[in-house]
């Protein structure tokens, strides 16, 4: 069952929508009480990173990150049978990797983040704003990987007519990093098709590095030493505004590495 975030409404309305109620320690959070009285759900932003008992992992938490994973420098991506691994380029830097499995895909992109503060809450708001400004529809739900966005994004079809692409935006805050995933294809539509993509996201290892980085800077990736590249119209467009809100173009096909494991 997915819990749906309501933009406004009473606590009873929220319980009715999710089918669940949450017990809260009443030891004295006056701001939460005030928000409840005002009928507004508390904003889930600027919170410390939540525990990650099932991943994604920091490099310090994994003894053999390259075991069963593809080393892309900034991330180690789990390898599965028959997958295609595509990379996205911004300027001269590789900033994202997309794992394609049959008719579904998950794009992985890691960013630097503050030491004691998660950014996924703010990023979700930016993505939602960008897509709604394009005329799309956003639904914020609590899914298997925590709070995520289910988006209906306007796209132009090959015949020139308008259509809609269904996409899931998932994200997890880690120690000084943030990992975003974009699930597309059947994995964004059918839950049974998303299980493998969600597991790939969970089992990804992020390598933040010790050097100074500004929050939200992308963690740059590299190609594996034995990669065989096939260029397929590399996407190098600069995004306007937030790098998180305009990223639908990143779902286009980029250079491709075919991994056979």
C-alpha atoms as a PDB file:
ATOM      1  CA  UNK A   1       0.000   0.000   0.000  1.00  0.00           C
ATOM      2  CA  UNK A   2       1.257   3.471  -0.789  1.00  0.00           C
ATOM      3  CA  UNK A   3       0.674   6.439   1.503  1.00  0.00           C
ATOM      4  CA  UNK A   4      -0.358   9.523  -0.410  1.00  0.00           C
ATOM      5  CA  UNK A   5       0.718  12.967   0.701  1.00  0.00           C
ATOM      6  CA  UNK A   6      -2.182  15.386   0.816  1.00  0.00           C
ATOM      7  CA  UNK A   7      -1.413  19.039   0.224  1.00  0.00           C
ATOM      8  CA  UNK A   8      -4.031  20.071   2.745  1.00  0.00           C
ATOM      9  CA  UNK A   9      -6.707  18.516   4.904  1.00  0.00           C
ATOM     10  CA  UNK A  10      -7.185  17.211   8.394  1.00  0.00           C
ATOM     11  CA  UNK A  11      -5.350  14.352  10.038  1.00  0.00           C
ATOM     12  CA  UNK A  12      -8.525  12.289   9.695  1.00  0.00           C
ATOM     13  CA  UNK A  13      -8.533  12.928   5.936  1.00  0.00           C
ATOM     14  CA  UNK A  14      -4.937  11.755   5.679  1.00  0.00           C
ATOM     15  CA  UNK A  15      -5.689   8.604   7.646  1.00  0.00           C
ATOM     16  CA  UNK A  16      -8.668   7.858   5.394  1.00  0.00           C
ATOM     17  CA  UNK A  17      -6.551   8.309   2.265  1.00  0.00           C
ATOM     18  CA  UNK A  18      -3.725   6.018   3.395  1.00  0.00           C
ATOM     19  CA  UNK A  19      -5.712   3.523   5.384  1.00  0.00           C
ATOM     20  CA  UNK A  20      -3.185   3.899   8.182  1.00  0.00           C
ATOM     21  CA  UNK A  21      -2.565   6.119  11.153  1.00  0.00           C
ATOM     22  CA  UNK A  22       0.788   7.073  12.614  1.00  0.00           C
ATOM     23  CA  UNK A  23       1.414   7.234  16.332  1.00  0.00           C
ATOM     24  CA  UNK A  24       3.384  10.308  17.309  1.00  0.00           C
ATOM     25  CA  UNK A  25       5.220  10.958  20.523  1.00  0.00           C
ATOM     26  CA  UNK A  26       3.406  13.849  22.164  1.00  0.00           C
ATOM     27  CA  UNK A  27       6.363  14.967  24.216  1.00  0.00           C
ATOM     28  CA  UNK A  28       6.188  18.525  22.980  1.00  0.00           C
ATOM     29  CA  UNK A  29       6.794  19.406  19.345  1.00  0.00           C
ATOM     30  CA  UNK A  30       4.914  22.703  19.265  1.00  0.00           C
ATOM     31  CA  UNK A  31       5.643  23.375  15.599  1.00  0.00           C
ATOM     32  CA  UNK A  32       4.146  20.037  14.587  1.00  0.00           C
ATOM     33  CA  UNK A  33       1.093  20.739  16.751  1.00  0.00           C
ATOM     34  CA  UNK A  34       0.689  24.137  15.134  1.00  0.00           C
ATOM     35  CA  UNK A  35       0.953  22.602  11.685  1.00  0.00           C
ATOM     36  CA  UNK A  36      -1.658  20.012  12.598  1.00  0.00           C
ATOM     37  CA  UNK A  37      -4.012  22.678  13.907  1.00  0.00           C
ATOM     38  CA  UNK A  38      -3.521  24.685  10.732  1.00  0.00           C
ATOM     39  CA  UNK A  39      -4.461  21.628   8.692  1.00  0.00           C
ATOM     40  CA  UNK A  40      -1.104  21.515   6.853  1.00  0.00           C
ATOM     41  CA  UNK A  41       1.114  18.451   6.624  1.00  0.00           C
ATOM     42  CA  UNK A  42       4.624  19.159   7.976  1.00  0.00           C
ATOM     43  CA  UNK A  43       7.207  19.697   5.224  1.00  0.00           C
ATOM     44  CA  UNK A  44       9.659  16.846   4.862  1.00  0.00           C
ATOM     45  CA  UNK A  45      12.656  19.005   3.978  1.00  0.00           C
ATOM     46  CA  UNK A  46      15.970  19.855   5.626  1.00  0.00           C
ATOM     47  CA  UNK A  47      15.826  16.633   7.639  1.00  0.00           C
ATOM     48  CA  UNK A  48      18.912  14.564   8.514  1.00  0.00           C
ATOM     49  CA  UNK A  49      19.442  11.538   6.261  1.00  0.00           C
ATOM     50  CA  UNK A  50      17.267   8.601   7.287  1.00  0.00           C
ATOM     51  CA  UNK A  51      18.749   5.161   8.058  1.00  0.00           C
ATOM     52  CA  UNK A  52      19.440   2.985   5.012  1.00  0.00           C
ATOM     53  CA  UNK A  53      19.270  -0.618   6.274  1.00  0.00           C
ATOM     54  CA  UNK A  54      18.656  -1.917   2.734  1.00  0.00           C
ATOM     55  CA  UNK A  55      20.827   0.561   0.788  1.00  0.00           C
ATOM     56  CA  UNK A  56      21.823   2.387  -1.318  1.00  0.00           C
ATOM     57  CA  UNK A  57      25.257   2.072   0.205  1.00  0.00           C
ATOM     58  CA  UNK A  58      28.172   4.362   0.932  1.00  0.00           C
ATOM     59  CA  UNK A  59      31.572   3.050  -0.157  1.00  0.00           C
ATOM     60  CA  UNK A  60      32.550   2.842   3.528  1.00  0.00           C
ATOM     61  CA  UNK A  61      29.726   0.354   4.168  1.00  0.00           C
ATOM     62  CA  UNK A  62      30.708  -2.255   1.552  1.00  0.00           C
ATOM     63  CA  UNK A  63      33.823  -4.425   1.762  1.00  0.00           C
ATOM     64  CA  UNK A  64      33.890  -5.494  -1.916  1.00  0.00           C
ATOM     65  CA  UNK A  65      31.962  -2.886  -3.937  1.00  0.00           C
ATOM     66  CA  UNK A  66      33.163  -4.260  -7.292  1.00  0.00           C
ATOM     67  CA  UNK A  67      31.809  -7.731  -6.597  1.00  0.00           C
ATOM     68  CA  UNK A  68      28.818  -8.107  -8.915  1.00  0.00           C
ATOM     69  CA  UNK A  69      28.845  -4.402  -9.789  1.00  0.00           C
ATOM     70  CA  UNK A  70      30.169  -2.230 -12.625  1.00  0.00           C
ATOM     71  CA  UNK A  71      32.740   0.338 -11.480  1.00  0.00           C
ATOM     72  CA  UNK A  72      31.784   3.770 -12.819  1.00  0.00           C
ATOM     73  CA  UNK A  73      33.984   5.699 -10.414  1.00  0.00           C
ATOM     74  CA  UNK A  74      31.390   7.761  -8.581  1.00  0.00           C
ATOM     75  CA  UNK A  75      28.999   4.816  -8.324  1.00  0.00           C
ATOM     76  CA  UNK A  76      29.185   1.041  -8.483  1.00  0.00           C
ATOM     77  CA  UNK A  77      26.138  -0.161 -10.427  1.00  0.00           C
ATOM     78  CA  UNK A  78      24.786  -3.683  -9.852  1.00  0.00           C
ATOM     79  CA  UNK A  79      25.119  -5.930 -12.908  1.00  0.00           C
ATOM     80  CA  UNK A  80      22.208  -8.138 -13.942  1.00  0.00           C
ATOM     81  CA  UNK A  81      21.879 -10.602 -16.800  1.00  0.00           C
ATOM     82  CA  UNK A  82      21.062  -9.061 -20.164  1.00  0.00           C
ATOM     83  CA  UNK A  83      21.140  -5.459 -19.017  1.00  0.00           C
ATOM     84  CA  UNK A  84      22.255  -2.503 -21.106  1.00  0.00           C
ATOM     85  CA  UNK A  85      24.198   0.230 -19.339  1.00  0.00           C
ATOM     86  CA  UNK A  86      23.948   3.704 -20.873  1.00  0.00           C
ATOM     87  CA  UNK A  87      25.687   6.855 -19.723  1.00  0.00           C
ATOM     88  CA  UNK A  88      24.603  10.499 -20.011  1.00  0.00           C
ATOM     89  CA  UNK A  89      27.076  13.279 -20.691  1.00  0.00           C
ATOM     90  CA  UNK A  90      26.986  16.954 -19.635  1.00  0.00           C
ATOM     91  CA  UNK A  91      29.733  18.839 -21.439  1.00  0.00           C
ATOM     92  CA  UNK A  92      32.830  16.667 -21.053  1.00  0.00           C
ATOM     93  CA  UNK A  93      31.662  14.865 -17.911  1.00  0.00           C
ATOM     94  CA  UNK A  94      29.655  11.678 -17.458  1.00  0.00           C
ATOM     95  CA  UNK A  95      27.024  12.503 -14.840  1.00  0.00           C
ATOM     96  CA  UNK A  96      24.430   9.715 -14.985  1.00  0.00           C
ATOM     97  CA  UNK A  97      24.041   6.045 -15.795  1.00  0.00           C
ATOM     98  CA  UNK A  98      20.917   4.267 -17.005  1.00  0.00           C
ATOM     99  CA  UNK A  99      20.333   0.552 -16.559  1.00  0.00           C
ATOM    100  CA  UNK A 100      17.916  -0.871 -19.144  1.00  0.00           C
ATOM    101  CA  UNK A 101      16.348  -4.263 -18.484  1.00  0.00           C
ATOM    102  CA  UNK A 102      13.940  -5.415 -21.206  1.00  0.00           C
ATOM    103  CA  UNK A 103      11.221  -2.721 -21.458  1.00  0.00           C
ATOM    104  CA  UNK A 104      12.092  -0.848 -18.242  1.00  0.00           C
ATOM    105  CA  UNK A 105      14.913   1.449 -17.182  1.00  0.00           C
ATOM    106  CA  UNK A 106      16.292   3.208 -14.124  1.00  0.00           C
ATOM    107  CA  UNK A 107      18.562   6.227 -14.416  1.00  0.00           C
ATOM    108  CA  UNK A 108      21.032   6.714 -11.551  1.00  0.00           C
ATOM    109  CA  UNK A 109      22.604  10.050 -10.685  1.00  0.00           C
ATOM    110  CA  UNK A 110      24.569  10.909  -7.534  1.00  0.00           C
ATOM    111  CA  UNK A 111      25.100  14.396  -6.103  1.00  0.00           C
ATOM    112  CA  UNK A 112      27.067  15.925  -3.277  1.00  0.00           C
ATOM    113  CA  UNK A 113      24.970  16.900  -0.261  1.00  0.00           C
ATOM    114  CA  UNK A 114      25.408  18.656   3.096  1.00  0.00           C
ATOM    115  CA  UNK A 115      26.943  16.592   5.885  1.00  0.00           C
ATOM    116  CA  UNK A 116      24.008  16.684   8.283  1.00  0.00           C
ATOM    117  CA  UNK A 117      21.066  17.563   6.080  1.00  0.00           C
ATOM    118  CA  UNK A 118      19.198  15.598   3.434  1.00  0.00           C
ATOM    119  CA  UNK A 119      18.093  17.294   0.214  1.00  0.00           C
ATOM    120  CA  UNK A 120      15.556  14.807  -1.209  1.00  0.00           C
ATOM    121  CA  UNK A 121      12.611  16.728   0.245  1.00  0.00           C
ATOM    122  CA  UNK A 122      13.650  19.953  -1.490  1.00  0.00           C
ATOM    123  CA  UNK A 123      14.559  18.118  -4.684  1.00  0.00           C
ATOM    124  CA  UNK A 124      11.087  16.559  -4.860  1.00  0.00           C
ATOM    125  CA  UNK A 125       9.516  20.001  -4.624  1.00  0.00           C
ATOM    126  CA  UNK A 126      11.759  21.299  -7.415  1.00  0.00           C
ATOM    127  CA  UNK A 127      10.988  18.346  -9.677  1.00  0.00           C
ATOM    128  CA  UNK A 128       7.256  18.721  -9.012  1.00  0.00           C
ATOM    129  CA  UNK A 129       7.378  22.435  -9.791  1.00  0.00           C
ATOM    130  CA  UNK A 130       9.274  21.899 -13.033  1.00  0.00           C
ATOM    131  CA  UNK A 131       6.932  19.214 -14.295  1.00  0.00           C
ATOM    132  CA  UNK A 132       3.716  21.021 -13.367  1.00  0.00           C
ATOM    133  CA  UNK A 133       5.030  24.121 -15.155  1.00  0.00           C
ATOM    134  CA  UNK A 134       5.322  21.939 -18.267  1.00  0.00           C
ATOM    135  CA  UNK A 135       1.669  20.971 -17.863  1.00  0.00           C
ATOM    136  CA  UNK A 136       2.358  17.607 -16.256  1.00  0.00           C
ATOM    137  CA  UNK A 137       0.749  15.958 -13.252  1.00  0.00           C
ATOM    138  CA  UNK A 138       2.567  14.992 -10.057  1.00  0.00           C
ATOM    139  CA  UNK A 139       1.503  12.576  -7.337  1.00  0.00           C
ATOM    140  CA  UNK A 140       3.660  12.247  -4.205  1.00  0.00           C
ATOM    141  CA  UNK A 141       3.367   8.825  -2.577  1.00  0.00           C
ATOM    142  CA  UNK A 142       5.216   6.731  -0.032  1.00  0.00           C
ATOM    143  CA  UNK A 143       6.520   3.773  -1.999  1.00  0.00           C
ATOM    144  CA  UNK A 144       8.892   0.850  -1.403  1.00  0.00           C
ATOM    145  CA  UNK A 145      11.896   3.211  -1.340  1.00  0.00           C
ATOM    146  CA  UNK A 146      10.303   5.973   0.741  1.00  0.00           C
ATOM    147  CA  UNK A 147       8.680   9.159  -0.528  1.00  0.00           C
ATOM    148  CA  UNK A 148       8.698   9.397  -4.300  1.00  0.00           C
ATOM    149  CA  UNK A 149       7.028  11.243  -7.164  1.00  0.00           C
ATOM    150  CA  UNK A 150       4.797   9.587  -9.748  1.00  0.00           C
ATOM    151  CA  UNK A 151       4.756  11.900 -12.744  1.00  0.00           C
ATOM    152  CA  UNK A 152       2.744  12.191 -15.940  1.00  0.00           C
ATOM    153  CA  UNK A 153       5.019  14.229 -18.184  1.00  0.00           C
ATOM    154  CA  UNK A 154       3.860  15.775 -21.486  1.00  0.00           C
ATOM    155  CA  UNK A 155       5.948  14.551 -24.442  1.00  0.00           C
ATOM    156  CA  UNK A 156       5.813  14.936 -28.199  1.00  0.00           C
ATOM    157  CA  UNK A 157       5.228  11.673 -30.032  1.00  0.00           C
ATOM    158  CA  UNK A 158       7.082  10.768 -33.254  1.00  0.00           C
ATOM    159  CA  UNK A 159       4.042  11.731 -35.326  1.00  0.00           C
ATOM    160  CA  UNK A 160       4.065  15.235 -33.824  1.00  0.00           C
ATOM    161  CA  UNK A 161       1.060  14.739 -31.574  1.00  0.00           C
ATOM    162  CA  UNK A 162       1.138  15.194 -27.809  1.00  0.00           C
ATOM    163  CA  UNK A 163       1.304  12.337 -25.360  1.00  0.00           C
ATOM    164  CA  UNK A 164       2.175  11.532 -21.769  1.00  0.00           C
ATOM    165  CA  UNK A 165       5.131   9.646 -20.324  1.00  0.00           C
ATOM    166  CA  UNK A 166       4.770   7.987 -16.926  1.00  0.00           C
ATOM    167  CA  UNK A 167       7.874   8.289 -14.740  1.00  0.00           C
ATOM    168  CA  UNK A 168       8.806   7.569 -11.124  1.00  0.00           C
ATOM    169  CA  UNK A 169      11.337   9.768  -9.319  1.00  0.00           C
ATOM    170  CA  UNK A 170      12.963   8.054  -6.328  1.00  0.00           C
ATOM    171  CA  UNK A 171      15.703   9.332  -4.058  1.00  0.00           C
ATOM    172  CA  UNK A 172      17.741   8.539  -0.958  1.00  0.00           C
ATOM    173  CA  UNK A 173      19.947  10.790   1.162  1.00  0.00           C
ATOM    174  CA  UNK A 174      23.277   9.320   2.244  1.00  0.00           C
ATOM    175  CA  UNK A 175      26.318  10.615   4.140  1.00  0.00           C
ATOM    176  CA  UNK A 176      27.295  13.745   2.182  1.00  0.00           C
ATOM    177  CA  UNK A 177      25.601  12.457  -0.964  1.00  0.00           C
ATOM    178  CA  UNK A 178      22.185  12.081  -2.542  1.00  0.00           C
ATOM    179  CA  UNK A 179      21.232   9.384  -5.043  1.00  0.00           C
ATOM    180  CA  UNK A 180      18.355  10.012  -7.443  1.00  0.00           C
ATOM    181  CA  UNK A 181      16.677   7.397  -9.564  1.00  0.00           C
ATOM    182  CA  UNK A 182      14.276   7.856 -12.490  1.00  0.00           C
ATOM    183  CA  UNK A 183      12.262   4.760 -13.387  1.00  0.00           C
ATOM    184  CA  UNK A 184      10.658   4.706 -16.814  1.00  0.00           C
ATOM    185  CA  UNK A 185       9.026   2.203 -19.132  1.00  0.00           C
ATOM    186  CA  UNK A 186       6.938  -0.639 -17.735  1.00  0.00           C
ATOM    187  CA  UNK A 187       8.662  -0.238 -14.359  1.00  0.00           C
ATOM    188  CA  UNK A 188       6.893   3.108 -13.948  1.00  0.00           C
ATOM    189  CA  UNK A 189       3.506   1.586 -14.725  1.00  0.00           C
ATOM    190  CA  UNK A 190       3.465  -1.956 -13.368  1.00  0.00           C
ATOM    191  CA  UNK A 191       4.752  -2.631  -9.817  1.00  0.00           C
ATOM    192  CA  UNK A 192       5.707  -6.200 -10.727  1.00  0.00           C
ATOM    193  CA  UNK A 193       8.029  -4.860 -13.426  1.00  0.00           C
ATOM    194  CA  UNK A 194       9.717  -2.417 -11.050  1.00  0.00           C
ATOM    195  CA  UNK A 195      11.079  -4.891  -8.493  1.00  0.00           C
ATOM    196  CA  UNK A 196      14.411  -5.530 -10.230  1.00  0.00           C
ATOM    197  CA  UNK A 197      14.958  -1.816 -10.921  1.00  0.00           C
ATOM    198  CA  UNK A 198      14.248  -0.971  -7.281  1.00  0.00           C
ATOM    199  CA  UNK A 199      16.747  -3.638  -6.191  1.00  0.00           C
ATOM    200  CA  UNK A 200      19.378  -2.212  -8.548  1.00  0.00           C
ATOM    201  CA  UNK A 201      18.829   1.203  -6.976  1.00  0.00           C
ATOM    202  CA  UNK A 202      19.070  -0.240  -3.449  1.00  0.00           C
ATOM    203  CA  UNK A 203      22.272  -2.135  -4.189  1.00  0.00           C
ATOM    204  CA  UNK A 204      24.084   0.800  -5.811  1.00  0.00           C
ATOM    205  CA  UNK A 205      27.238   1.977  -4.010  1.00  0.00           C
ATOM    206  CA  UNK A 206      28.052   5.709  -3.997  1.00  0.00           C
ATOM    207  CA  UNK A 207      31.639   7.003  -3.874  1.00  0.00           C
ATOM    208  CA  UNK A 208      31.457  10.617  -2.697  1.00  0.00           C
ATOM    209  CA  UNK A 209      35.195  11.081  -2.186  1.00  0.00           C
ATOM    210  CA  UNK A 210      36.849  13.272   0.421  1.00  0.00           C
ATOM    211  CA  UNK A 211      37.449  16.350  -1.701  1.00  0.00           C
ATOM    212  CA  UNK A 212      35.400  19.537  -1.277  1.00  0.00           C
ATOM    213  CA  UNK A 213      32.217  19.701  -3.352  1.00  0.00           C
ATOM    214  CA  UNK A 214      29.370  22.173  -3.305  1.00  0.00           C
ATOM    215  CA  UNK A 215      26.028  20.677  -2.318  1.00  0.00           C
ATOM    216  CA  UNK A 216      24.086  19.431  -5.375  1.00  0.00           C
ATOM    217  CA  UNK A 217      27.155  19.198  -7.583  1.00  0.00           C
ATOM    218  CA  UNK A 218      26.953  15.965  -9.607  1.00  0.00           C
ATOM    219  CA  UNK A 219      29.399  13.244  -8.637  1.00  0.00           C
ATOM    220  CA  UNK A 220      31.259  12.655 -11.896  1.00  0.00           C
ATOM    221  CA  UNK A 221      31.401   9.123 -13.273  1.00  0.00           C
ATOM    222  CA  UNK A 222      33.924   7.349 -15.482  1.00  0.00           C
ATOM    223  CA  UNK A 223      33.766   4.531 -17.997  1.00  0.00           C
ATOM    224  CA  UNK A 224      34.918   1.043 -17.041  1.00  0.00           C
ATOM    225  CA  UNK A 225      38.386   0.202 -18.336  1.00  0.00           C
ATOM    226  CA  UNK A 226      37.034  -2.532 -20.626  1.00  0.00           C
ATOM    227  CA  UNK A 227      33.954  -0.644 -21.836  1.00  0.00           C
ATOM    228  CA  UNK A 228      33.018  -0.840 -25.488  1.00  0.00           C
ATOM    229  CA  UNK A 229      31.205   2.341 -26.415  1.00  0.00           C
ATOM    230  CA  UNK A 230      28.517   2.653 -29.072  1.00  0.00           C
ATOM    231  CA  UNK A 231      27.504   6.289 -29.609  1.00  0.00           C
ATOM    232  CA  UNK A 232      23.750   6.761 -29.934  1.00  0.00           C
ATOM    233  CA  UNK A 233      23.179  10.521 -30.052  1.00  0.00           C
ATOM    234  CA  UNK A 234      24.798  11.741 -26.871  1.00  0.00           C
ATOM    235  CA  UNK A 235      22.622  14.178 -24.946  1.00  0.00           C
ATOM    236  CA  UNK A 236      24.616  17.292 -24.016  1.00  0.00           C
ATOM    237  CA  UNK A 237      21.912  19.896 -23.539  1.00  0.00           C
ATOM    238  CA  UNK A 238      22.207  22.234 -20.606  1.00  0.00           C
ATOM    239  CA  UNK A 239      19.157  22.223 -18.376  1.00  0.00           C
ATOM    240  CA  UNK A 240      17.502  25.467 -17.469  1.00  0.00           C
ATOM    241  CA  UNK A 241      16.849  26.236 -13.818  1.00  0.00           C
ATOM    242  CA  UNK A 242      17.231  23.393 -11.365  1.00  0.00           C
ATOM    243  CA  UNK A 243      19.252  20.444 -12.629  1.00  0.00           C
ATOM    244  CA  UNK A 244      16.684  18.250 -10.901  1.00  0.00           C
ATOM    245  CA  UNK A 245      13.469  19.698 -12.319  1.00  0.00           C
ATOM    246  CA  UNK A 246      14.201  19.690 -16.020  1.00  0.00           C
ATOM    247  CA  UNK A 247      15.823  16.321 -16.381  1.00  0.00           C
ATOM    248  CA  UNK A 248      13.277  14.518 -18.523  1.00  0.00           C
ATOM    249  CA  UNK A 249      15.537  14.919 -21.527  1.00  0.00           C
ATOM    250  CA  UNK A 250      18.117  12.791 -19.735  1.00  0.00           C
ATOM    251  CA  UNK A 251      15.934   9.758 -20.405  1.00  0.00           C
ATOM    252  CA  UNK A 252      16.987   9.865 -24.040  1.00  0.00           C
ATOM    253  CA  UNK A 253      19.424   7.252 -25.239  1.00  0.00           C
ATOM    254  CA  UNK A 254      23.087   8.015 -24.667  1.00  0.00           C
ATOM    255  CA  UNK A 255      26.358   6.144 -25.210  1.00  0.00           C
ATOM    256  CA  UNK A 256      25.704   2.485 -24.491  1.00  0.00           C
ATOM    257  CA  UNK A 257      27.689  -0.193 -22.712  1.00  0.00           C
ATOM    258  CA  UNK A 258      26.262  -3.688 -23.029  1.00  0.00           C
ATOM    259  CA  UNK A 259      27.094  -5.793 -20.000  1.00  0.00           C
ATOM    260  CA  UNK A 260      26.727  -9.547 -20.331  1.00  0.00           C
ATOM    261  CA  UNK A 261      27.135 -11.261 -16.995  1.00  0.00           C
END
